[in-house]
Amino acid sequence: MPVVNIQILKGRSQEQKKKMAKTVTDAIVSSIGVKPEAVWIVIEEMERENFATGGVLHCEK
């Protein structure tokens, strides 16, 4: 049972997350030959104020 953890910044629509989950599931199914039902995906949404790149918080960009 593959388990995939995906961390993204908050703000994506449910439709975008649904599409991402389907795309990731399909990639795992085709690459290692498991059934789609065996693929677990956990999406963690981060607040922009809790994530920084280059020393700058994303809420300040």
PDB file of N, CA and C in Angstrom:
ATOM      1  N   MET A   1       0.838  -1.172   0.000  1.00  0.00           N
ATOM      2  CA  MET A   1       0.000   0.000   0.000  1.00  0.00           C
ATOM      3  C   MET A   1       0.886   1.239   0.000  1.00  0.00           C
ATOM      4  N   PRO A   2       1.044   1.910  -1.120  1.00  0.00           N
ATOM      5  CA  PRO A   2       1.803   3.154  -1.149  1.00  0.00           C
ATOM      6  C   PRO A   2       1.033   4.274  -0.447  1.00  0.00           C
ATOM      7  N   VAL A   3       1.752   5.045   0.361  1.00  0.00           N
ATOM      8  CA  VAL A   3       1.176   6.214   1.013  1.00  0.00           C
ATOM      9  C   VAL A   3       1.980   7.423   0.558  1.00  0.00           C
ATOM     10  N   VAL A   4       1.297   8.417   0.011  1.00  0.00           N
ATOM     11  CA  VAL A   4       1.943   9.615  -0.508  1.00  0.00           C
ATOM     12  C   VAL A   4       1.493  10.805   0.322  1.00  0.00           C
ATOM     13  N   ASN A   5       2.460  11.551   0.862  1.00  0.00           N
ATOM     14  CA  ASN A   5       2.159  12.777   1.590  1.00  0.00           C
ATOM     15  C   ASN A   5       2.515  13.955   0.691  1.00  0.00           C
ATOM     16  N   ILE A   6       1.545  14.835   0.482  1.00  0.00           N
ATOM     17  CA  ILE A   6       1.753  16.011  -0.359  1.00  0.00           C
ATOM     18  C   ILE A   6       1.483  17.244   0.481  1.00  0.00           C
ATOM     19  N   GLN A   7       2.449  18.137   0.525  1.00  0.00           N
ATOM     20  CA  GLN A   7       2.286  19.389   1.250  1.00  0.00           C
ATOM     21  C   GLN A   7       2.170  20.512   0.233  1.00  0.00           C
ATOM     22  N   ILE A   8       1.103  21.287   0.351  1.00  0.00           N
ATOM     23  CA  ILE A   8       0.892  22.412  -0.550  1.00  0.00           C
ATOM     24  C   ILE A   8       0.433  23.623   0.262  1.00  0.00           C
ATOM     25  N   LEU A   9       0.613  24.795  -0.319  1.00  0.00           N
ATOM     26  CA  LEU A   9       0.103  25.998   0.314  1.00  0.00           C
ATOM     27  C   LEU A   9      -1.407  26.045   0.155  1.00  0.00           C
ATOM     28  N   LYS A  10      -2.091  26.552   1.171  1.00  0.00           N
ATOM     29  CA  LYS A  10      -3.544  26.686   1.097  1.00  0.00           C
ATOM     30  C   LYS A  10      -3.927  27.567  -0.081  1.00  0.00           C
ATOM     31  N   GLY A  11      -5.100  27.311  -0.613  1.00  0.00           N
ATOM     32  CA  GLY A  11      -5.610  28.159  -1.683  1.00  0.00           C
ATOM     33  C   GLY A  11      -6.004  27.405  -2.939  1.00  0.00           C
ATOM     34  N   ARG A  12      -5.692  26.119  -3.000  1.00  0.00           N
ATOM     35  CA  ARG A  12      -6.090  25.339  -4.175  1.00  0.00           C
ATOM     36  C   ARG A  12      -7.549  24.934  -4.026  1.00  0.00           C
ATOM     37  N   SER A  13      -8.234  24.837  -5.132  1.00  0.00           N
ATOM     38  CA  SER A  13      -9.645  24.437  -5.106  1.00  0.00           C
ATOM     39  C   SER A  13      -9.752  22.928  -4.894  1.00  0.00           C
ATOM     40  N   GLN A  14     -10.939  22.503  -4.512  1.00  0.00           N
ATOM     41  CA  GLN A  14     -11.182  21.062  -4.353  1.00  0.00           C
ATOM     42  C   GLN A  14     -10.978  20.357  -5.687  1.00  0.00           C
ATOM     43  N   GLU A  15     -11.360  21.001  -6.774  1.00  0.00           N
ATOM     44  CA  GLU A  15     -11.199  20.401  -8.102  1.00  0.00           C
ATOM     45  C   GLU A  15      -9.716  20.212  -8.435  1.00  0.00           C
ATOM     46  N   GLN A  16      -8.881  21.175  -8.084  1.00  0.00           N
ATOM     47  CA  GLN A  16      -7.441  21.049  -8.326  1.00  0.00           C
ATOM     48  C   GLN A  16      -6.848  19.904  -7.511  1.00  0.00           C
ATOM     49  N   LYS A  17      -7.255  19.795  -6.258  1.00  0.00           N
ATOM     50  CA  LYS A  17      -6.739  18.716  -5.410  1.00  0.00           C
ATOM     51  C   LYS A  17      -7.228  17.355  -5.911  1.00  0.00           C
ATOM     52  N   LYS A  18      -8.450  17.295  -6.374  1.00  0.00           N
ATOM     53  CA  LYS A  18      -9.007  16.056  -6.932  1.00  0.00           C
ATOM     54  C   LYS A  18      -8.201  15.625  -8.157  1.00  0.00           C
ATOM     55  N   LYS A  19      -7.902  16.584  -9.034  1.00  0.00           N
ATOM     56  CA  LYS A  19      -7.126  16.288 -10.237  1.00  0.00           C
ATOM     57  C   LYS A  19      -5.715  15.820  -9.869  1.00  0.00           C
ATOM     58  N   MET A  20      -5.099  16.478  -8.887  1.00  0.00           N
ATOM     59  CA  MET A  20      -3.766  16.091  -8.434  1.00  0.00           C
ATOM     60  C   MET A  20      -3.776  14.670  -7.884  1.00  0.00           C
ATOM     61  N   ALA A  21      -4.764  14.353  -7.053  1.00  0.00           N
ATOM     62  CA  ALA A  21      -4.857  13.012  -6.469  1.00  0.00           C
ATOM     63  C   ALA A  21      -5.001  11.954  -7.557  1.00  0.00           C
ATOM     64  N   LYS A  22      -5.795  12.225  -8.565  1.00  0.00           N
ATOM     65  CA  LYS A  22      -5.994  11.277  -9.675  1.00  0.00           C
ATOM     66  C   LYS A  22      -4.698  11.102 -10.466  1.00  0.00           C
ATOM     67  N   THR A  23      -4.021  12.201 -10.759  1.00  0.00           N
ATOM     68  CA  THR A  23      -2.781  12.149 -11.532  1.00  0.00           C
ATOM     69  C   THR A  23      -1.694  11.382 -10.788  1.00  0.00           C
ATOM     70  N   VAL A  24      -1.546  11.657  -9.496  1.00  0.00           N
ATOM     71  CA  VAL A  24      -0.540  10.961  -8.684  1.00  0.00           C
ATOM     72  C   VAL A  24      -0.884   9.474  -8.580  1.00  0.00           C
ATOM     73  N   THR A  25      -2.147   9.172  -8.339  1.00  0.00           N
ATOM     74  CA  THR A  25      -2.581   7.772  -8.262  1.00  0.00           C
ATOM     75  C   THR A  25      -2.270   7.041  -9.557  1.00  0.00           C
ATOM     76  N   ASP A  26      -2.622   7.640 -10.685  1.00  0.00           N
ATOM     77  CA  ASP A  26      -2.368   7.009 -11.988  1.00  0.00           C
ATOM     78  C   ASP A  26      -0.879   6.750 -12.200  1.00  0.00           C
ATOM     79  N   ALA A  27      -0.026   7.695 -11.778  1.00  0.00           N
ATOM     80  CA  ALA A  27       1.423   7.526 -11.942  1.00  0.00           C
ATOM     81  C   ALA A  27       1.934   6.352 -11.111  1.00  0.00           C
ATOM     82  N   ILE A  28       1.435   6.225  -9.901  1.00  0.00           N
ATOM     83  CA  ILE A  28       1.873   5.122  -9.041  1.00  0.00           C
ATOM     84  C   ILE A  28       1.371   3.791  -9.577  1.00  0.00           C
ATOM     85  N   VAL A  29       0.127   3.750  -9.997  1.00  0.00           N
ATOM     86  CA  VAL A  29      -0.449   2.524 -10.563  1.00  0.00           C
ATOM     87  C   VAL A  29       0.365   2.063 -11.765  1.00  0.00           C
ATOM     88  N   SER A  30       0.686   2.992 -12.669  1.00  0.00           N
ATOM     89  CA  SER A  30       1.397   2.600 -13.885  1.00  0.00           C
ATOM     90  C   SER A  30       2.867   2.277 -13.627  1.00  0.00           C
ATOM     91  N   SER A  31       3.457   2.858 -12.600  1.00  0.00           N
ATOM     92  CA  SER A  31       4.883   2.626 -12.369  1.00  0.00           C
ATOM     93  C   SER A  31       5.188   1.404 -11.511  1.00  0.00           C
ATOM     94  N   ILE A  32       4.318   1.067 -10.548  1.00  0.00           N
ATOM     95  CA  ILE A  32       4.628  -0.100  -9.708  1.00  0.00           C
ATOM     96  C   ILE A  32       3.560  -1.186  -9.741  1.00  0.00           C
ATOM     97  N   GLY A  33       2.507  -0.942 -10.500  1.00  0.00           N
ATOM     98  CA  GLY A  33       1.539  -2.009 -10.742  1.00  0.00           C
ATOM     99  C   GLY A  33       0.596  -2.356  -9.608  1.00  0.00           C
ATOM    100  N   VAL A  34       0.267  -1.382  -8.769  1.00  0.00           N
ATOM    101  CA  VAL A  34      -0.723  -1.640  -7.723  1.00  0.00           C
ATOM    102  C   VAL A  34      -2.095  -1.192  -8.203  1.00  0.00           C
ATOM    103  N   LYS A  35      -3.127  -1.635  -7.500  1.00  0.00           N
ATOM    104  CA  LYS A  35      -4.478  -1.197  -7.831  1.00  0.00           C
ATOM    105  C   LYS A  35      -4.706   0.211  -7.293  1.00  0.00           C
ATOM    106  N   PRO A  36      -5.520   1.008  -7.960  1.00  0.00           N
ATOM    107  CA  PRO A  36      -5.781   2.372  -7.493  1.00  0.00           C
ATOM    108  C   PRO A  36      -6.275   2.429  -6.049  1.00  0.00           C
ATOM    109  N   GLU A  37      -7.053   1.436  -5.630  1.00  0.00           N
ATOM    110  CA  GLU A  37      -7.593   1.421  -4.266  1.00  0.00           C
ATOM    111  C   GLU A  37      -6.492   1.290  -3.212  1.00  0.00           C
ATOM    112  N   ALA A  38      -5.326   0.810  -3.625  1.00  0.00           N
ATOM    113  CA  ALA A  38      -4.232   0.602  -2.681  1.00  0.00           C
ATOM    114  C   ALA A  38      -3.418   1.870  -2.437  1.00  0.00           C
ATOM    115  N   VAL A  39      -3.636   2.892  -3.248  1.00  0.00           N
ATOM    116  CA  VAL A  39      -2.865   4.128  -3.140  1.00  0.00           C
ATOM    117  C   VAL A  39      -3.562   5.089  -2.183  1.00  0.00           C
ATOM    118  N   TRP A  40      -2.850   5.481  -1.144  1.00  0.00           N
ATOM    119  CA  TRP A  40      -3.368   6.452  -0.178  1.00  0.00           C
ATOM    120  C   TRP A  40      -2.635   7.762  -0.394  1.00  0.00           C
ATOM    121  N   ILE A  41      -3.375   8.855  -0.419  1.00  0.00           N
ATOM    122  CA  ILE A  41      -2.778  10.173  -0.586  1.00  0.00           C
ATOM    123  C   ILE A  41      -3.255  11.066   0.554  1.00  0.00           C
ATOM    124  N   VAL A  42      -2.282  11.703   1.222  1.00  0.00           N
ATOM    125  CA  VAL A  42      -2.586  12.648   2.296  1.00  0.00           C
ATOM    126  C   VAL A  42      -2.157  14.028   1.814  1.00  0.00           C
ATOM    127  N   ILE A  43      -3.097  14.957   1.775  1.00  0.00           N
ATOM    128  CA  ILE A  43      -2.793  16.323   1.353  1.00  0.00           C
ATOM    129  C   ILE A  43      -2.800  17.209   2.592  1.00  0.00           C
ATOM    130  N   GLU A  44      -1.646  17.807   2.864  1.00  0.00           N
ATOM    131  CA  GLU A  44      -1.525  18.720   3.994  1.00  0.00           C
ATOM    132  C   GLU A  44      -1.423  20.137   3.433  1.00  0.00           C
ATOM    133  N   GLU A  45      -2.323  20.995   3.887  1.00  0.00           N
ATOM    134  CA  GLU A  45      -2.310  22.377   3.422  1.00  0.00           C
ATOM    135  C   GLU A  45      -1.644  23.272   4.466  1.00  0.00           C
ATOM    136  N   MET A  46      -0.684  24.038   4.005  1.00  0.00           N
ATOM    137  CA  MET A  46       0.068  24.914   4.897  1.00  0.00           C
ATOM    138  C   MET A  46      -0.418  26.355   4.735  1.00  0.00           C
ATOM    139  N   GLU A  47      -0.514  27.051   5.836  1.00  0.00           N
ATOM    140  CA  GLU A  47      -0.819  28.476   5.798  1.00  0.00           C
ATOM    141  C   GLU A  47       0.393  29.203   5.204  1.00  0.00           C
ATOM    142  N   ARG A  48       0.151  30.207   4.397  1.00  0.00           N
ATOM    143  CA  ARG A  48       1.242  30.965   3.779  1.00  0.00           C
ATOM    144  C   ARG A  48       2.148  31.617   4.820  1.00  0.00           C
ATOM    145  N   GLU A  49       1.592  31.921   5.978  1.00  0.00           N
ATOM    146  CA  GLU A  49       2.389  32.546   7.040  1.00  0.00           C
ATOM    147  C   GLU A  49       3.335  31.565   7.724  1.00  0.00           C
ATOM    148  N   ASN A  50       3.174  30.274   7.442  1.00  0.00           N
ATOM    149  CA  ASN A  50       4.006  29.238   8.053  1.00  0.00           C
ATOM    150  C   ASN A  50       4.986  28.611   7.071  1.00  0.00           C
ATOM    151  N   PHE A  51       5.207  29.251   5.931  1.00  0.00           N
ATOM    152  CA  PHE A  51       6.077  28.689   4.907  1.00  0.00           C
ATOM    153  C   PHE A  51       6.898  29.818   4.302  1.00  0.00           C
ATOM    154  N   ALA A  52       8.190  29.588   4.168  1.00  0.00           N
ATOM    155  CA  ALA A  52       9.081  30.604   3.609  1.00  0.00           C
ATOM    156  C   ALA A  52      10.037  29.984   2.609  1.00  0.00           C
ATOM    157  N   THR A  53      10.415  30.751   1.619  1.00  0.00           N
ATOM    158  CA  THR A  53      11.494  30.388   0.710  1.00  0.00           C
ATOM    159  C   THR A  53      12.385  31.610   0.560  1.00  0.00           C
ATOM    160  N   GLY A  54      13.670  31.375   0.519  1.00  0.00           N
ATOM    161  CA  GLY A  54      14.619  32.476   0.402  1.00  0.00           C
ATOM    162  C   GLY A  54      14.548  33.449   1.568  1.00  0.00           C
ATOM    163  N   GLY A  55      14.105  32.987   2.720  1.00  0.00           N
ATOM    164  CA  GLY A  55      14.018  33.828   3.897  1.00  0.00           C
ATOM    165  C   GLY A  55      12.813  34.746   3.948  1.00  0.00           C
ATOM    166  N   VAL A  56      11.884  34.565   3.004  1.00  0.00           N
ATOM    167  CA  VAL A  56      10.697  35.415   2.951  1.00  0.00           C
ATOM    168  C   VAL A  56       9.441  34.562   3.115  1.00  0.00           C
ATOM    169  N   LEU A  57       8.599  34.958   4.065  1.00  0.00           N
ATOM    170  CA  LEU A  57       7.332  34.253   4.249  1.00  0.00           C
ATOM    171  C   LEU A  57       6.467  34.413   3.003  1.00  0.00           C
ATOM    172  N   HIS A  58       5.753  33.356   2.634  1.00  0.00           N
ATOM    173  CA  HIS A  58       4.919  33.416   1.446  1.00  0.00           C
ATOM    174  C   HIS A  58       3.749  34.387   1.590  1.00  0.00           C
ATOM    175  N   CYS A  59       3.344  34.674   2.799  1.00  0.00           N
ATOM    176  CA  CYS A  59       2.270  35.650   2.995  1.00  0.00           C
ATOM    177  C   CYS A  59       2.740  37.062   2.699  1.00  0.00           C
ATOM    178  N   GLU A  60       4.067  37.261   2.599  1.00  0.00           N
ATOM    179  CA  GLU A  60       4.620  38.580   2.302  1.00  0.00           C
ATOM    180  C   GLU A  60       4.969  38.750   0.832  1.00  0.00           C
ATOM    181  N   LYS A  61       4.750  37.709   0.051  1.00  0.00           N
ATOM    182  CA  LYS A  61       5.063  37.779  -1.378  1.00  0.00           C
ATOM    183  C   LYS A  61       3.868  38.273  -2.159  1.00  0.00           C
TER     184      LYS A  61
END
